[in-house]
Structures are given as structure tokens and as C-alpha cells.
């Protein structure tokens, strides 16, 4: 099996980091704009703004490494990707990532001052960048799925639902990343009530996204299972094949169901009975770690499954 693998951990890690970073920036920008003139959710938006560009940068460096640009004599090979603009996935992805990084760094800069707050001198630029970050972040998250789906010789990846799966997973891991950063840093300047509301909003959003991701996974599997030919054959690798346990136990049970049940344990009392949202710090740290681990494992299974079930004739 190892001889059949062309894309390994660098590409898998890139897909995960790019998705999580794009998701964090998208969630941050959405929260900022949703907060309105009073600046509700400003602290959450700040965490996401600082977090978003970093994993995308690291993931992009891994992708450049995979392309061989760090080999002797090929340090600038990746610049060939900018030599033309066309509709190929690599060309679109290169320019999309570049634009996203440029805009998200400017967006993060507007939060840089320690006394940054709603209505300050950076407010107009911050909101302008937020409006641009949302479509760019969604584009980067979707692109990670389109990059795989553009290869017709790999039937496991040939699904119109794969891009949607990567998008929802990116948003979920983005929320998890913000929640983890918020839990670790514990900003003392944020009023306790606002901090609890922010934690509730993130946990509720994550549990909703996990539910949506489970639905998209069901559609992904059913679409492939009901398709006659190579696609139907390829999906068997997670329906009794070598990656079945990794997908259903690792991704679905450990990475999605368990964190969703834990989050709902604390979200539902406030949602239904309007009780105060209180979640232990250990749980608030452990749950996003589990979600992030599940997001990485999802990419691992999909990338490996697409390679061990192909290539086939077009």
C-alpha cells in the first residue's frame, strides 16, 4: 500500500490546516459583523482573527515543500504557480490562498493594539476586511475539497459532496480552534458574563456544525454507495475495507459524536431552560482538541482512501 501513496502527511496536514485556518477567520469575521454597532462577540472575533492566518501559512509551506521547492536548486519553483491564470485547480487555489493570506493578515492587524475595541480608529478597516474574509475563507475551505475532486482517476474523491464536507469540517475545526485558544488564554479583561456567553455561542455553533457534518457524511457515503461503477467500488474501503475502523470509530464516533454529546450536555440547559452556561475548563479544552483531531483524521482517511482505491481508467 505504501508504494501506491503519492500524497502523504504533508498534503494531509496542509488540507487540515488550511481548512481550520480558513474556518477560524470566516467564523471570526461573521461574529464581528453579527455583533453590530455595540461590538458584541468582539473578543471571539479577535481570537479567530489572530488564529486564522497562522495554520494557513504553515499548511501552505508544507504544500510548497511537497512540490519540491525546498530541494536544492528549486527554492523558487513554487513561483511557477503564479505564471499564469487559468481554471486549473492549482492556479485557482494559488491565487485564492494568496488573497486570503493577504486579507486575513490585514484583518488580524486591526486587532493588534492591546486597547483595540469596537468603534476605534481601525473599526472601518476591520469591518471592510471582515466582509472580504468571509467569501475568501469559504473559498479556501471549499477549494481543499475541489482539489481532490478534480482528479477523475480517483473514484473515491469524485463526489459533488466532498467540497461541502470539507467546508463544514473547516468551519467546525475553526470554531474548535477559537474555543481552544479562548480557553487557554483566558482573557481577564473580558467581563465574566460576556465570556460565558461567548463560550456558549461557540459550543452551540460547534454542536450544530457537527450535526451538519454528520448529515453531509451520510450523504457522501450514500451517494457513493448508490453509484454504479468505480465510485461504488471505491467507497467499500470505508464500508468493510481497510479504513472502516479509522473512519467510523475514529472520525464519526470519536471525532464527531462524542464531542457533540459533551457539548450538548452543557448547551441544552441554557437553550431550553435558560440556565446559566457553565462548563469546566478541562472540558472546554478537551472537546476542541477532540474535534480538531477528528478533523485531521477525516482528511487522513479521505486522502489515503482516494489513493488506495485508484487509479482507474477514465
Protein backbone atom coordinates (compact mmCIF):
# COMPACT_ATOMS: atom_id res chain seq x y z
CA UNK A 1 0.00 0.00 0.00
CA UNK A 2 2.85 2.40 0.76
CA UNK A 3 4.03 2.17 -2.85
CA UNK A 4 0.65 3.43 -4.03
CA UNK A 5 0.69 6.58 -1.91
CA UNK A 6 1.80 9.76 -3.66
CA UNK A 7 0.29 12.22 -1.20
CA UNK A 8 1.24 11.69 2.43
CA UNK A 9 1.29 13.64 5.68
CA UNK A 10 2.45 17.00 4.21
CA UNK A 11 -0.60 17.21 1.92
CA UNK A 12 -2.96 15.80 4.56
CA UNK A 13 -1.69 18.31 7.11
CA UNK A 14 -1.99 21.13 4.56
CA UNK A 15 -5.63 20.24 3.85
CA UNK A 16 -6.36 20.19 7.58
CA UNK A 17 -4.52 23.40 8.47
CA UNK A 18 -5.84 25.36 5.50
CA UNK A 19 -9.39 24.31 6.33
CA UNK A 20 -9.10 25.06 10.05
CA UNK A 21 -7.43 28.42 9.46
CA UNK A 22 -9.94 29.48 6.82
CA UNK A 23 -12.75 28.32 9.10
CA UNK A 24 -11.42 30.31 12.06
CA UNK A 25 -11.14 33.51 10.02
CA UNK A 26 -14.60 33.02 8.50
CA UNK A 27 -16.17 32.46 11.91
CA UNK A 28 -14.29 35.44 13.33
CA UNK A 29 -15.44 37.77 10.56
CA UNK A 30 -19.02 36.51 10.84
CA UNK A 31 -19.04 37.07 14.60
CA UNK A 32 -17.63 40.56 14.22
CA UNK A 33 -20.24 41.63 11.68
CA UNK A 34 -23.01 39.89 13.61
CA UNK A 35 -22.07 41.81 16.74
CA UNK A 36 -23.45 45.05 15.31
CA UNK A 37 -22.52 48.58 16.43
CA UNK A 38 -22.26 47.55 20.10
CA UNK A 39 -19.41 45.19 19.27
CA UNK A 40 -20.86 42.03 20.76
CA UNK A 41 -18.62 38.98 20.23
CA UNK A 42 -15.60 41.27 19.71
CA UNK A 43 -13.40 39.06 21.91
CA UNK A 44 -14.32 35.94 19.94
CA UNK A 45 -13.64 37.73 16.67
CA UNK A 46 -10.24 38.78 17.97
CA UNK A 47 -9.23 35.22 18.86
CA UNK A 48 -10.28 33.98 15.42
CA UNK A 49 -8.54 36.85 13.62
CA UNK A 50 -5.20 36.08 15.28
CA UNK A 51 -5.57 32.33 14.82
CA UNK A 52 -6.78 32.14 11.20
CA UNK A 53 -3.74 33.09 9.08
CA UNK A 54 -1.20 31.03 11.05
CA UNK A 55 -2.32 27.46 10.16
CA UNK A 56 -2.91 28.53 6.54
CA UNK A 57 0.65 29.85 6.33
CA UNK A 58 2.09 26.68 7.86
CA UNK A 59 -0.05 24.49 5.60
CA UNK A 60 0.99 26.45 2.52
CA UNK A 61 4.65 25.95 3.43
CA UNK A 62 4.02 22.21 3.70
CA UNK A 63 2.40 22.24 0.26
CA UNK A 64 5.38 24.11 -1.20
CA UNK A 65 7.65 21.53 0.43
CA UNK A 66 5.62 18.72 -1.16
CA UNK A 67 6.05 20.39 -4.56
CA UNK A 68 9.83 20.08 -4.12
CA UNK A 69 10.57 23.78 -3.77
CA UNK A 70 12.83 23.24 -0.75
CA UNK A 71 15.11 20.88 -2.65
CA UNK A 72 18.49 22.18 -3.71
CA UNK A 73 18.21 24.32 -6.81
CA UNK A 74 14.40 24.51 -6.69
CA UNK A 75 13.73 27.07 -3.96
CA UNK A 76 11.65 29.28 -6.26
CA UNK A 77 9.83 26.51 -8.10
CA UNK A 78 6.53 27.41 -6.44
CA UNK A 79 6.59 30.79 -8.21
CA UNK A 80 5.69 28.95 -11.41
CA UNK A 81 2.17 28.68 -9.99
CA UNK A 82 1.82 32.46 -10.44
CA UNK A 83 2.99 32.48 -14.04
CA UNK A 84 -0.49 32.04 -15.47
CA UNK A 85 -4.12 32.48 -14.53
CA UNK A 86 -6.44 29.71 -15.69
CA UNK A 87 -9.23 27.50 -14.42
CA UNK A 88 -6.99 24.67 -13.20
CA UNK A 89 -7.44 23.82 -9.50
CA UNK A 90 -3.79 24.57 -8.72
CA UNK A 91 -3.91 28.01 -10.37
CA UNK A 92 -7.20 28.98 -8.70
CA UNK A 93 -6.01 27.65 -5.36
CA UNK A 94 -2.70 29.51 -5.53
CA UNK A 95 -4.32 32.88 -6.10
CA UNK A 96 -7.11 32.14 -3.62
CA UNK A 97 -4.64 31.26 -0.86
CA UNK A 98 -2.53 34.33 -1.63
CA UNK A 99 -5.51 36.68 -1.49
CA UNK A 100 -6.81 35.04 1.67
CA UNK A 101 -3.47 35.36 3.46
CA UNK A 102 -3.08 38.99 2.46
CA UNK A 103 -6.57 39.99 3.58
CA UNK A 104 -6.60 37.87 6.75
CA UNK A 105 -3.26 39.32 7.90
CA UNK A 106 -4.59 42.87 7.44
CA UNK A 107 -7.76 41.82 9.27
CA UNK A 108 -5.69 40.43 12.17
CA UNK A 109 -3.62 43.63 12.23
CA UNK A 110 -6.72 45.67 13.05
CA UNK A 111 -6.99 43.76 16.35
CA UNK A 112 -3.29 44.07 17.20
CA UNK A 113 -3.34 47.00 19.62
CA UNK A 114 -3.95 45.92 23.23
CA UNK A 115 -6.70 48.52 23.55
CA UNK A 116 -8.45 47.56 20.30
CA UNK A 117 -12.21 47.83 20.70
CA UNK A 118 -15.41 48.38 18.71
CA UNK A 119 -15.56 51.84 17.18
CA UNK A 120 -11.82 52.56 17.40
CA UNK A 121 -9.76 54.06 14.58
CA UNK A 122 -9.40 50.63 12.92
CA UNK A 123 -13.11 49.85 13.03
CA UNK A 124 -13.89 50.75 9.42
CA UNK A 125 -10.91 48.84 8.01
CA UNK A 126 -11.66 45.90 10.32
CA UNK A 127 -15.24 45.55 9.09
CA UNK A 128 -14.24 46.02 5.46
CA UNK A 129 -11.70 43.22 5.78
CA UNK A 130 -14.28 41.06 7.56
CA UNK A 131 -16.67 41.32 4.60
CA UNK A 132 -13.87 40.17 2.28
CA UNK A 133 -12.62 37.43 4.63
CA UNK A 134 -15.94 35.57 4.63
CA UNK A 135 -16.10 34.69 0.90
CA UNK A 136 -12.33 34.15 0.74
CA UNK A 137 -12.39 31.87 3.79
CA UNK A 138 -15.27 29.85 2.39
CA UNK A 139 -13.46 29.68 -0.94
CA UNK A 140 -10.28 28.29 0.65
CA UNK A 141 -12.26 25.72 2.66
CA UNK A 142 -14.20 24.57 -0.42
CA UNK A 143 -11.05 24.54 -2.56
CA UNK A 144 -9.44 21.89 -0.37
CA UNK A 145 -12.24 19.53 -1.43
CA UNK A 146 -12.29 20.66 -5.06
CA UNK A 147 -8.55 19.98 -5.29
CA UNK A 148 -9.21 16.29 -4.66
CA UNK A 149 -12.45 16.05 -6.62
CA UNK A 150 -10.76 17.36 -9.77
CA UNK A 151 -8.99 14.01 -10.26
CA UNK A 152 -11.32 11.69 -12.21
CA UNK A 153 -8.89 8.77 -11.92
CA UNK A 154 -9.51 8.63 -8.16
CA UNK A 155 -13.14 7.49 -7.81
CA UNK A 156 -13.33 7.89 -4.02
CA UNK A 157 -12.86 11.64 -4.45
CA UNK A 158 -15.31 12.02 -7.36
CA UNK A 159 -18.26 13.25 -5.35
CA UNK A 160 -20.01 16.63 -5.55
CA UNK A 161 -20.49 16.36 -1.78
CA UNK A 162 -16.77 16.23 -0.91
CA UNK A 163 -16.32 20.01 -1.18
CA UNK A 164 -19.32 20.57 1.11
CA UNK A 165 -17.93 18.05 3.61
CA UNK A 166 -14.59 19.87 3.72
CA UNK A 167 -16.36 23.23 4.10
CA UNK A 168 -18.47 22.14 7.07
CA UNK A 169 -15.50 20.40 8.66
CA UNK A 170 -13.38 23.53 8.18
CA UNK A 171 -15.96 25.69 9.95
CA UNK A 172 -16.26 23.14 12.77
CA UNK A 173 -12.49 22.90 13.29
CA UNK A 174 -12.27 26.69 13.01
CA UNK A 175 -14.77 27.09 15.84
CA UNK A 176 -12.90 24.44 17.83
CA UNK A 177 -9.63 26.30 17.31
CA UNK A 178 -11.13 29.57 18.55
CA UNK A 179 -12.70 27.80 21.54
CA UNK A 180 -9.38 26.17 22.42
CA UNK A 181 -7.47 29.46 22.13
CA UNK A 182 -10.09 31.23 24.24
CA UNK A 183 -9.91 28.53 26.91
CA UNK A 184 -6.12 28.52 27.07
CA UNK A 185 -5.59 32.29 27.14
CA UNK A 186 -8.48 33.25 29.45
CA UNK A 187 -8.62 36.99 28.72
CA UNK A 188 -9.15 38.60 32.15
CA UNK A 189 -10.30 41.89 30.61
CA UNK A 190 -13.47 40.29 29.22
CA UNK A 191 -16.42 40.53 31.63
CA UNK A 192 -17.39 37.09 33.02
CA UNK A 193 -20.92 37.27 31.61
CA UNK A 194 -19.61 38.10 28.14
CA UNK A 195 -17.02 35.30 28.39
CA UNK A 196 -19.72 32.76 29.34
CA UNK A 197 -21.97 33.93 26.52
CA UNK A 198 -19.06 33.65 24.07
CA UNK A 199 -18.31 30.13 25.25
CA UNK A 200 -21.97 29.17 24.91
CA UNK A 201 -22.17 30.65 21.42
CA UNK A 202 -19.07 28.77 20.28
CA UNK A 203 -20.16 25.46 21.85
CA UNK A 204 -23.67 25.76 20.38
CA UNK A 205 -22.28 26.64 16.97
CA UNK A 206 -19.85 23.73 17.06
CA UNK A 207 -22.51 21.20 18.04
CA UNK A 208 -24.73 22.48 15.22
CA UNK A 209 -21.87 22.23 12.71
CA UNK A 210 -21.05 18.71 13.92
CA UNK A 211 -24.69 17.70 13.31
CA UNK A 212 -24.50 19.18 9.82
CA UNK A 213 -21.20 17.40 9.19
CA UNK A 214 -22.74 14.06 10.19
CA UNK A 215 -25.54 14.69 7.69
CA UNK A 216 -23.07 15.53 4.92
CA UNK A 217 -21.06 12.38 5.72
CA UNK A 218 -24.25 10.34 5.39
CA UNK A 219 -24.96 11.95 2.01
CA UNK A 220 -21.35 11.41 0.89
CA UNK A 221 -21.47 7.71 1.75
CA UNK A 222 -24.95 7.15 0.31
CA UNK A 223 -24.13 8.95 -2.94
CA UNK A 224 -21.07 6.78 -3.48
CA UNK A 225 -22.77 3.56 -2.32
CA UNK A 226 -25.70 4.02 -4.71
CA UNK A 227 -23.47 4.93 -7.65
CA UNK A 228 -22.76 2.10 -10.07
CA UNK A 229 -19.18 1.52 -11.16
CA UNK A 230 -15.84 2.69 -9.81
CA UNK A 231 -17.27 5.13 -7.27
CA UNK A 232 -19.44 2.44 -5.72
CA UNK A 233 -16.42 0.15 -5.60
CA UNK A 234 -14.16 2.78 -4.01
CA UNK A 235 -16.49 3.55 -1.11
CA UNK A 236 -16.14 -0.05 0.09
CA UNK A 237 -12.77 0.88 1.59
CA UNK A 238 -14.71 2.51 4.47
CA UNK A 239 -17.62 0.05 4.35
CA UNK A 240 -15.80 -3.06 5.45
CA UNK A 241 -12.39 -2.32 3.94
CA UNK A 242 -9.05 -1.37 5.47
CA UNK A 243 -10.12 2.13 6.57
CA UNK A 244 -13.50 1.23 8.06
CA UNK A 245 -12.45 1.45 11.71
CA UNK A 246 -10.50 4.67 11.20
CA UNK A 247 -13.49 6.32 9.53
CA UNK A 248 -16.44 5.14 11.60
CA UNK A 249 -14.76 4.86 15.01
CA UNK A 250 -12.05 7.49 14.66
CA UNK A 251 -13.85 10.18 12.64
CA UNK A 252 -17.57 9.64 13.25
CA UNK A 253 -17.68 8.32 16.84
CA UNK A 254 -14.56 9.84 18.43
CA UNK A 255 -14.22 13.00 16.35
CA UNK A 256 -17.90 13.96 15.99
CA UNK A 257 -20.43 12.11 18.15
CA UNK A 258 -18.54 12.20 21.45
CA UNK A 259 -17.73 15.96 21.37
CA UNK A 260 -21.28 16.74 20.21
CA UNK A 261 -22.80 14.81 23.12
CA UNK A 262 -20.46 16.52 25.60
CA UNK A 263 -21.21 20.00 24.22
CA UNK A 264 -24.95 19.42 24.20
CA UNK A 265 -24.71 18.36 27.85
CA UNK A 266 -23.86 21.99 28.68
CA UNK A 267 -25.63 23.80 25.83
CA UNK A 268 -29.14 22.33 26.16
CA UNK A 269 -29.85 23.54 29.74
CA UNK A 270 -29.28 27.14 28.64
CA UNK A 271 -31.00 26.69 25.30
CA UNK A 272 -34.15 25.04 26.72
CA UNK A 273 -34.35 26.14 30.35
CA UNK A 274 -32.34 29.40 30.11
CA UNK A 275 -29.96 28.28 32.83
CA UNK A 276 -26.52 29.81 33.18
CA UNK A 277 -23.95 28.28 30.84
CA UNK A 278 -21.17 26.83 32.97
CA UNK A 279 -18.62 24.42 31.55
CA UNK A 280 -15.48 23.14 33.32
CA UNK A 281 -12.26 24.48 31.85
CA UNK A 282 -10.89 20.97 31.35
CA UNK A 283 -13.92 20.04 29.25
CA UNK A 284 -13.68 23.34 27.37
CA UNK A 285 -10.10 22.42 26.39
CA UNK A 286 -10.61 18.69 25.77
CA UNK A 287 -13.62 18.99 23.44
CA UNK A 288 -11.97 21.24 20.82
CA UNK A 289 -8.86 19.05 20.92
CA UNK A 290 -11.05 16.04 20.10
CA UNK A 291 -12.82 17.95 17.31
CA UNK A 292 -9.50 19.06 15.80
CA UNK A 293 -8.16 15.51 16.00
CA UNK A 294 -11.28 14.23 14.24
CA UNK A 295 -10.91 16.88 11.53
CA UNK A 296 -7.33 15.81 10.86
CA UNK A 297 -8.31 12.13 10.80
CA UNK A 298 -11.12 12.90 8.33
CA UNK A 299 -8.59 14.34 5.87
CA UNK A 300 -6.23 11.43 6.50
CA UNK A 301 -8.88 8.82 5.72
CA UNK A 302 -10.15 10.62 2.61
CA UNK A 303 -6.69 11.29 1.15
CA UNK A 304 -5.47 7.75 1.79
CA UNK A 305 -8.73 6.14 0.64
CA UNK A 306 -8.62 8.04 -2.64
CA UNK A 307 -5.17 6.66 -3.36
CA UNK A 308 -5.54 3.03 -2.29
CA UNK A 309 -8.71 2.67 -4.41
CA UNK A 310 -7.15 4.01 -7.62
CA UNK A 311 -6.06 4.82 -10.15
CA UNK A 312 -8.62 3.51 -12.62
CA UNK A 313 -9.36 4.24 -16.23
CA UNK A 314 -11.17 7.49 -17.02
